Protein backbone atom coordinates (compact mmCIF):
# COMPACT_ATOMS: atom_id res chain seq x y z
CA UNK A 1 179.29 130.72 148.40
CA UNK A 2 180.69 127.09 147.02
CA UNK A 3 184.61 126.36 147.48
CA UNK A 4 186.08 126.88 144.38
CA UNK A 5 189.15 124.24 144.49
CA UNK A 6 190.41 125.74 140.83
CA UNK A 7 190.77 129.08 142.79
CA UNK A 8 192.20 128.15 145.70
CA UNK A 9 194.99 126.60 144.04
CA UNK A 10 196.20 129.68 142.24
CA UNK A 11 198.94 131.80 143.56
CA UNK A 12 197.65 134.30 146.03
CA UNK A 13 198.92 137.46 144.44
CA UNK A 14 197.56 136.41 141.08
CA UNK A 15 195.19 138.73 139.53
CA UNK A 16 192.08 137.95 138.20
CA UNK A 17 191.50 139.71 134.70
CA UNK A 18 187.86 140.74 133.51
CA UNK A 19 187.99 138.06 130.70
CA UNK A 20 188.81 135.45 132.92
CA UNK A 21 185.63 136.23 135.28
CA UNK A 22 183.41 136.30 132.00
CA UNK A 23 184.63 132.86 130.47
CA UNK A 24 181.98 130.81 131.42
CA UNK A 25 184.27 127.45 131.38
CA UNK A 26 187.81 126.54 129.57
CA UNK A 27 188.76 127.67 125.90
CA UNK A 28 186.92 125.47 123.38
CA UNK A 29 189.83 123.21 121.64
CA UNK A 30 188.53 124.16 118.27
CA UNK A 31 187.11 127.31 117.12
CA UNK A 32 183.53 127.96 117.09
CA UNK A 33 183.57 128.26 113.52
CA UNK A 34 185.17 125.28 112.96
CA UNK A 35 182.76 123.21 115.31
CA UNK A 36 179.73 125.11 113.11
CA UNK A 37 180.98 123.99 109.80
CA UNK A 38 181.15 120.09 111.27
CA UNK A 39 178.02 120.25 112.94
CA UNK A 40 176.20 121.76 109.70
CA UNK A 41 178.10 118.74 107.97
CA UNK A 42 176.66 116.38 110.25
CA UNK A 43 172.67 117.70 110.32
CA UNK A 44 172.99 117.54 106.86
CA UNK A 45 173.58 114.07 106.60
CA UNK A 46 170.79 113.54 108.95
CA UNK A 47 168.64 115.83 107.23
CA UNK A 48 169.37 113.60 103.79
CA UNK A 49 169.62 110.11 105.48
CA UNK A 50 165.92 109.22 104.30
CA UNK A 51 166.57 110.33 100.53
CA UNK A 52 170.01 108.81 100.50
CA UNK A 53 170.83 106.82 103.21
CA UNK A 54 174.38 105.67 102.31
CA UNK A 55 175.65 109.02 101.15
CA UNK A 56 174.55 110.82 104.03
CA UNK A 57 176.59 108.14 106.19
CA UNK A 58 179.46 108.71 103.79
CA UNK A 59 178.61 112.88 105.09
CA UNK A 60 178.64 111.70 108.52
CA UNK A 61 181.83 109.99 108.63
CA UNK A 62 183.83 112.66 106.74
CA UNK A 63 182.83 115.02 109.17
CA UNK A 64 183.63 112.52 111.53
CA UNK A 65 187.20 112.40 110.29
CA UNK A 66 187.54 116.44 110.22
CA UNK A 67 186.84 116.51 113.63
CA UNK A 68 189.64 114.14 114.54
CA UNK A 69 191.60 115.70 112.35
CA UNK A 70 191.05 119.42 113.78
CA UNK A 71 190.99 117.99 117.08
CA UNK A 72 194.41 116.29 116.80
CA UNK A 73 195.62 119.57 115.27
CA UNK A 74 194.26 121.81 117.95
CA UNK A 75 196.06 119.44 120.64
CA UNK A 76 199.20 119.49 118.91
CA UNK A 77 199.68 123.03 118.47
CA UNK A 78 198.14 123.23 122.22
CA UNK A 79 201.21 121.05 123.51
CA UNK A 80 204.17 122.69 121.26
CA UNK A 81 202.86 125.84 122.96
CA UNK A 82 202.98 125.00 126.40
CA UNK A 83 206.23 122.59 125.63
CA UNK A 84 208.31 125.61 124.52
CA UNK A 85 206.90 127.77 127.68
CA UNK A 86 208.42 125.76 129.90
CA UNK A 87 211.53 123.81 127.96
CA UNK A 88 212.55 128.18 127.86
CA UNK A 89 213.76 127.66 131.47
CA UNK A 90 217.13 126.21 130.23
CA UNK A 91 217.85 124.85 133.76
CA UNK A 92 219.12 121.80 135.20
CA UNK A 93 216.04 119.43 136.14
CA UNK A 94 217.90 119.08 139.78
CA UNK A 95 217.71 122.47 140.49
CA UNK A 96 214.96 124.75 142.20
CA UNK A 97 213.71 126.80 140.09
CA UNK A 98 213.56 130.72 141.53
CA UNK A 99 209.67 131.71 141.99
CA UNK A 100 208.47 133.13 139.43
CA UNK A 101 209.63 130.25 137.60
CA UNK A 102 207.92 128.05 139.79
CA UNK A 103 204.64 129.55 139.04
CA UNK A 104 205.38 129.72 135.35
CA UNK A 105 205.90 126.08 135.95
CA UNK A 106 202.95 125.27 138.15
CA UNK A 107 200.44 127.19 135.13
CA UNK A 108 201.81 124.62 132.48
CA UNK A 109 201.40 121.77 134.95
CA UNK A 110 197.56 122.92 135.34
CA UNK A 111 197.07 123.47 132.10
CA UNK A 112 198.52 119.84 131.54
CA UNK A 113 196.10 118.54 134.06
CA UNK A 114 193.07 120.49 132.64
CA UNK A 115 193.54 119.31 128.95
CA UNK A 116 194.24 116.08 129.73
CA UNK A 117 190.95 115.82 132.07
CA UNK A 118 189.15 117.26 129.59
CA UNK A 119 190.08 114.62 127.39
CA UNK A 120 189.36 111.96 129.68
CA UNK A 121 185.71 113.67 129.90
CA UNK A 122 185.15 113.08 126.01
């Protein structure tokens, strides 16, 4: 059995749900239907390049722009949700959090780390 660093860093009492076990990797940044639309547009551009190269390039550029826009929006939404979760703590930044608050803050930090690492691997 291989050492699982992510699992080892989780609090000892945290139960692992069946949904977590089935998930092969991190949650996609974009919904699969949106990814599929962009991939289809890009594939169409590739398939039509020989007949209409400039139009195909414009379509590819448009698909690229759409992917960027959706990615930025998804990341901004995820950031807002994360921030709302840990800012609800309403405590002095110098004060020591309770155990449950500490667990919530640790989870938020882990999510920031995972998303940032995924972005750096792009």
